[in-house]
């Protein structure tokens, strides 16, 4: 378990060093997996209608509701590796 957490934290650092910026869909997926892996299910109110970025992030995270944090962490690690991190 501690090993997964360490690899998750390393992937979070590695993603900042990617040579190319991922496309927006991939960025949303990374965000949602990171939040699910670190905070669990989505919480708090959904951002307002005109906060397009906030709403997109919230909805991406909400789609992962019920996913175990460990599973989200592993998927995040795998995605960062695939992106070259």
C-alpha atoms as a PDB file:
ATOM      1  CA  UNK A   1       0.000   0.000   0.000  1.00  0.00           C
ATOM      2  CA  UNK A   2       2.778   2.431   0.945  1.00  0.00           C
ATOM      3  CA  UNK A   3       4.536   1.533  -2.308  1.00  0.00           C
ATOM      4  CA  UNK A   4       1.457   2.483  -4.357  1.00  0.00           C
ATOM      5  CA  UNK A   5       1.184   5.809  -2.523  1.00  0.00           C
ATOM      6  CA  UNK A   6       4.869   6.548  -3.199  1.00  0.00           C
ATOM      7  CA  UNK A   7       4.503   5.675  -6.911  1.00  0.00           C
ATOM      8  CA  UNK A   8       1.348   7.834  -7.069  1.00  0.00           C
ATOM      9  CA  UNK A   9       3.181  10.807  -5.562  1.00  0.00           C
ATOM     10  CA  UNK A  10       6.129  10.265  -7.939  1.00  0.00           C
ATOM     11  CA  UNK A  11       3.735  10.174 -10.920  1.00  0.00           C
ATOM     12  CA  UNK A  12       2.212  13.460  -9.706  1.00  0.00           C
ATOM     13  CA  UNK A  13       5.705  14.982  -9.841  1.00  0.00           C
ATOM     14  CA  UNK A  14       6.560  13.340 -13.179  1.00  0.00           C
ATOM     15  CA  UNK A  15       3.430  14.688 -14.866  1.00  0.00           C
ATOM     16  CA  UNK A  16       4.732  18.223 -14.329  1.00  0.00           C
ATOM     17  CA  UNK A  17       7.866  17.340 -16.313  1.00  0.00           C
ATOM     18  CA  UNK A  18       6.201  15.947 -19.449  1.00  0.00           C
ATOM     19  CA  UNK A  19       7.829  17.202 -22.642  1.00  0.00           C
ATOM     20  CA  UNK A  20       4.436  17.885 -24.263  1.00  0.00           C
ATOM     21  CA  UNK A  21       1.270  19.240 -22.709  1.00  0.00           C
ATOM     22  CA  UNK A  22      -1.466  16.583 -22.939  1.00  0.00           C
ATOM     23  CA  UNK A  23      -4.721  17.448 -24.706  1.00  0.00           C
ATOM     24  CA  UNK A  24      -7.620  18.774 -22.627  1.00  0.00           C
ATOM     25  CA  UNK A  25      -9.428  15.418 -22.398  1.00  0.00           C
ATOM     26  CA  UNK A  26      -6.281  13.780 -21.052  1.00  0.00           C
ATOM     27  CA  UNK A  27      -5.727  16.643 -18.624  1.00  0.00           C
ATOM     28  CA  UNK A  28      -9.266  16.191 -17.311  1.00  0.00           C
ATOM     29  CA  UNK A  29      -8.687  12.472 -16.917  1.00  0.00           C
ATOM     30  CA  UNK A  30      -5.437  13.118 -15.037  1.00  0.00           C
ATOM     31  CA  UNK A  31      -7.172  15.640 -12.790  1.00  0.00           C
ATOM     32  CA  UNK A  32     -10.093  13.327 -12.031  1.00  0.00           C
ATOM     33  CA  UNK A  33      -7.878  10.321 -11.317  1.00  0.00           C
ATOM     34  CA  UNK A  34      -5.618  12.408  -9.100  1.00  0.00           C
ATOM     35  CA  UNK A  35      -8.539  13.813  -7.104  1.00  0.00           C
ATOM     36  CA  UNK A  36     -10.193  10.396  -6.773  1.00  0.00           C
ATOM     37  CA  UNK A  37      -6.879   8.855  -5.742  1.00  0.00           C
ATOM     38  CA  UNK A  38      -6.081  11.524  -3.178  1.00  0.00           C
ATOM     39  CA  UNK A  39      -9.488  12.724  -1.921  1.00  0.00           C
ATOM     40  CA  UNK A  40     -11.934   9.914  -2.761  1.00  0.00           C
ATOM     41  CA  UNK A  41     -15.405  10.592  -4.141  1.00  0.00           C
ATOM     42  CA  UNK A  42     -16.295  14.057  -5.404  1.00  0.00           C
ATOM     43  CA  UNK A  43     -17.403  16.461  -2.708  1.00  0.00           C
ATOM     44  CA  UNK A  44     -18.606  20.020  -2.409  1.00  0.00           C
ATOM     45  CA  UNK A  45     -21.036  21.935  -4.583  1.00  0.00           C
ATOM     46  CA  UNK A  46     -20.772  21.863  -8.350  1.00  0.00           C
ATOM     47  CA  UNK A  47     -19.227  25.094  -9.702  1.00  0.00           C
ATOM     48  CA  UNK A  48     -21.502  27.715 -11.213  1.00  0.00           C
ATOM     49  CA  UNK A  49     -22.749  27.609 -14.798  1.00  0.00           C
ATOM     50  CA  UNK A  50     -20.219  30.135 -16.092  1.00  0.00           C
ATOM     51  CA  UNK A  51     -17.229  28.394 -14.520  1.00  0.00           C
ATOM     52  CA  UNK A  52     -16.664  26.143 -17.523  1.00  0.00           C
ATOM     53  CA  UNK A  53     -13.270  24.780 -16.433  1.00  0.00           C
ATOM     54  CA  UNK A  54     -14.412  24.163 -12.859  1.00  0.00           C
ATOM     55  CA  UNK A  55     -17.568  22.443 -14.069  1.00  0.00           C
ATOM     56  CA  UNK A  56     -15.624  20.215 -16.482  1.00  0.00           C
ATOM     57  CA  UNK A  57     -13.215  19.214 -13.706  1.00  0.00           C
ATOM     58  CA  UNK A  58     -16.061  18.544 -11.272  1.00  0.00           C
ATOM     59  CA  UNK A  59     -17.959  16.412 -13.797  1.00  0.00           C
ATOM     60  CA  UNK A  60     -14.835  14.429 -14.766  1.00  0.00           C
ATOM     61  CA  UNK A  61     -14.188  13.682 -11.094  1.00  0.00           C
ATOM     62  CA  UNK A  62     -17.868  12.855 -10.449  1.00  0.00           C
ATOM     63  CA  UNK A  63     -17.747  10.166 -13.177  1.00  0.00           C
ATOM     64  CA  UNK A  64     -15.257   8.252 -11.006  1.00  0.00           C
ATOM     65  CA  UNK A  65     -17.575   8.163  -7.980  1.00  0.00           C
ATOM     66  CA  UNK A  66     -17.313   4.782  -6.289  1.00  0.00           C
ATOM     67  CA  UNK A  67     -13.844   4.042  -7.685  1.00  0.00           C
ATOM     68  CA  UNK A  68     -11.500   2.938  -4.922  1.00  0.00           C
ATOM     69  CA  UNK A  69      -8.704   5.462  -4.323  1.00  0.00           C
ATOM     70  CA  UNK A  70      -6.097   2.720  -4.836  1.00  0.00           C
ATOM     71  CA  UNK A  71      -7.574   1.853  -8.229  1.00  0.00           C
ATOM     72  CA  UNK A  72      -7.602   5.531  -9.248  1.00  0.00           C
ATOM     73  CA  UNK A  73      -3.986   5.883  -8.103  1.00  0.00           C
ATOM     74  CA  UNK A  74      -2.909   2.919 -10.238  1.00  0.00           C
ATOM     75  CA  UNK A  75      -4.777   4.247 -13.284  1.00  0.00           C
ATOM     76  CA  UNK A  76      -3.147   7.650 -12.757  1.00  0.00           C
ATOM     77  CA  UNK A  77       0.315   6.058 -12.565  1.00  0.00           C
ATOM     78  CA  UNK A  78      -0.372   4.035 -15.731  1.00  0.00           C
ATOM     79  CA  UNK A  79      -1.618   7.092 -17.632  1.00  0.00           C
ATOM     80  CA  UNK A  80       1.408   9.195 -16.635  1.00  0.00           C
ATOM     81  CA  UNK A  81       3.727   6.371 -17.768  1.00  0.00           C
ATOM     82  CA  UNK A  82       1.877   6.153 -21.083  1.00  0.00           C
ATOM     83  CA  UNK A  83       2.353   9.902 -21.567  1.00  0.00           C
ATOM     84  CA  UNK A  84       6.074   9.495 -21.090  1.00  0.00           C
ATOM     85  CA  UNK A  85       6.396  10.471 -17.441  1.00  0.00           C
END
